[in-house]
Amino acid sequence: MAPEERKAVAAIKAAFDPLGIMNPGCLMHVAQKCAAVLR
């Protein structure tokens, strides 16, 4: 993953899952899709 992509994923993760309760694997998949769309 590119550094800016990693930042986007981290931001999305923080926005969707501030408490860290969601399945990280599922969330990463969604975050990567979002990051790909934003590119």
N, C-alpha and C. Protein backbone atom coordinates (compact mmCIF):
# COMPACT_ATOMS: atom_id res chain seq x y z
N MET A 1 0.84 -1.20 0.00
CA MET A 1 0.00 0.00 0.00
C MET A 1 0.88 1.25 0.00
N ALA A 2 0.45 2.24 -0.74
CA ALA A 2 1.17 3.51 -0.76
C ALA A 2 0.94 4.25 0.56
N PRO A 3 1.91 5.08 0.97
CA PRO A 3 1.77 5.78 2.26
C PRO A 3 0.49 6.62 2.36
N GLU A 4 0.12 7.30 1.27
CA GLU A 4 -1.10 8.12 1.32
C GLU A 4 -2.34 7.24 1.40
N GLU A 5 -2.24 6.06 0.80
CA GLU A 5 -3.34 5.10 0.87
C GLU A 5 -3.49 4.60 2.31
N ARG A 6 -2.36 4.34 2.93
CA ARG A 6 -2.35 3.87 4.32
C ARG A 6 -2.99 4.92 5.22
N LYS A 7 -2.70 6.20 4.94
CA LYS A 7 -3.28 7.30 5.72
C LYS A 7 -4.78 7.35 5.54
N ALA A 8 -5.22 7.16 4.29
CA ALA A 8 -6.65 7.18 4.00
C ALA A 8 -7.35 6.03 4.72
N VAL A 9 -6.72 4.85 4.67
CA VAL A 9 -7.28 3.68 5.34
C VAL A 9 -7.37 3.92 6.84
N ALA A 10 -6.32 4.50 7.42
CA ALA A 10 -6.31 4.78 8.85
C ALA A 10 -7.42 5.77 9.22
N ALA A 11 -7.60 6.79 8.37
CA ALA A 11 -8.63 7.80 8.62
C ALA A 11 -10.02 7.19 8.53
N ILE A 12 -10.22 6.34 7.52
CA ILE A 12 -11.52 5.67 7.35
C ILE A 12 -11.78 4.75 8.54
N LYS A 13 -10.75 4.02 8.96
CA LYS A 13 -10.89 3.10 10.09
C LYS A 13 -11.27 3.88 11.35
N ALA A 14 -10.61 5.01 11.57
CA ALA A 14 -10.89 5.83 12.75
C ALA A 14 -12.32 6.38 12.69
N ALA A 15 -12.76 6.75 11.48
CA ALA A 15 -14.09 7.32 11.33
C ALA A 15 -15.19 6.28 11.54
N PHE A 16 -14.97 5.07 10.97
CA PHE A 16 -15.99 4.04 11.05
C PHE A 16 -15.95 3.25 12.34
N ASP A 17 -14.76 3.17 12.93
CA ASP A 17 -14.57 2.26 14.05
C ASP A 17 -13.70 2.88 15.14
N PRO A 18 -14.15 3.99 15.75
CA PRO A 18 -13.31 4.68 16.74
C PRO A 18 -12.98 3.81 17.95
N LEU A 19 -13.84 2.87 18.29
CA LEU A 19 -13.60 2.03 19.47
C LEU A 19 -12.86 0.74 19.13
N GLY A 20 -12.65 0.49 17.84
CA GLY A 20 -11.93 -0.71 17.44
C GLY A 20 -12.73 -1.98 17.66
N ILE A 21 -14.08 -1.90 17.56
CA ILE A 21 -14.91 -3.08 17.83
C ILE A 21 -15.26 -3.88 16.59
N MET A 22 -15.09 -3.25 15.40
CA MET A 22 -15.44 -3.98 14.18
C MET A 22 -14.34 -4.96 13.81
N ASN A 23 -14.71 -5.94 12.99
CA ASN A 23 -13.75 -6.92 12.49
C ASN A 23 -12.71 -6.19 11.65
N PRO A 24 -11.43 -6.21 12.05
CA PRO A 24 -10.43 -5.44 11.32
C PRO A 24 -10.24 -5.90 9.88
N GLY A 25 -10.37 -7.20 9.64
CA GLY A 25 -10.21 -7.72 8.28
C GLY A 25 -11.27 -7.16 7.35
N CYS A 26 -12.52 -7.18 7.82
CA CYS A 26 -13.65 -6.67 7.03
C CYS A 26 -13.49 -5.17 6.82
N LEU A 27 -13.11 -4.47 7.87
CA LEU A 27 -12.96 -3.02 7.80
C LEU A 27 -11.84 -2.64 6.84
N MET A 28 -10.73 -3.39 6.87
CA MET A 28 -9.61 -3.11 5.97
C MET A 28 -10.05 -3.23 4.53
N HIS A 29 -10.87 -4.25 4.26
CA HIS A 29 -11.36 -4.48 2.90
C HIS A 29 -12.18 -3.27 2.43
N VAL A 30 -13.07 -2.81 3.28
CA VAL A 30 -13.91 -1.65 2.96
C VAL A 30 -13.04 -0.40 2.80
N ALA A 31 -12.09 -0.22 3.71
CA ALA A 31 -11.22 0.96 3.67
C ALA A 31 -10.38 0.98 2.41
N GLN A 32 -9.89 -0.19 1.99
CA GLN A 32 -9.08 -0.26 0.77
C GLN A 32 -9.92 0.09 -0.45
N LYS A 33 -11.18 -0.37 -0.46
CA LYS A 33 -12.10 -0.03 -1.56
C LYS A 33 -12.29 1.48 -1.61
N CYS A 34 -12.52 2.10 -0.44
CA CYS A 34 -12.72 3.54 -0.37
C CYS A 34 -11.47 4.27 -0.85
N ALA A 35 -10.31 3.82 -0.40
CA ALA A 35 -9.05 4.45 -0.79
C ALA A 35 -8.85 4.34 -2.29
N ALA A 36 -9.23 3.21 -2.87
CA ALA A 36 -9.08 3.01 -4.31
C ALA A 36 -10.00 3.95 -5.08
N VAL A 37 -11.20 4.16 -4.55
CA VAL A 37 -12.17 5.05 -5.20
C VAL A 37 -11.68 6.50 -5.12
N LEU A 38 -11.09 6.87 -4.00
CA LEU A 38 -10.62 8.24 -3.79
C LEU A 38 -9.41 8.58 -4.65
N ARG A 39 -8.70 7.57 -5.12
CA ARG A 39 -7.49 7.80 -5.89
C ARG A 39 -7.78 8.53 -7.18
